[in-house]
Every structure is written in C-alpha cells, then in structure tokens.
C-alpha cells in the first residue's frame, strides 16, 4: 500500500514538473517572438527615419535657393542706404554711451 501511494505522489510530481517545463518553454518562445517583433519594428522605424531624412535633404536642396532669395529680398526691403552698422547698433540701444558718474 505505501508503495502505491509513493508512486502516485511521484507520478503527480512528475506531471507537475512536465507541465511547469512546458509552460516555461511556451513563455520563452513568446518572449522570443515579442523580441523579434520589437526588433523588426525598430528596424522599420529606423528605415522610415532614414527615408524621412533623405526626403528632407532633397527638399532642403530644392528650397535652399528660395530661402536665400527671400532672405536677400528681405534684406534689400529693410535696408536703407543711409543706414550703417554703427547707426543700427546705436538704434538698438547697444551703442549708447555709458554715463560717467
């Protein structure tokens, strides 16, 4: 009788061990899949960022001359022939002479 009881206990404990091992294997596989998916997503994001940078670089090359053109137009529109650097400096308040005490 005690041998049968011991065998039943051993069978149950073996079954529990097998179930736990299977569960751990499934968990490990699940983690691997998640990590692979995350790596794929990161790679896709990096590729998208590189594509965006390339597109931005191309657009910047296309519009660079427009920016320069409008900047020069603005300079000529605001510039007056009698303005010198010294006058502009003084108008902004940076060129005021300090009062001596």
Foldseek 3Di string as FASTA:
>chain_A
DVVVVVVVVVVVVVVVVVVVVVVVVVVVVVVVVVVVVVVVVVVVVVVVVVVVVVVVVVVCVVCVVVVVVVVVVVVVVPDDPPDDPQNVCVVVPNNDDDDDD
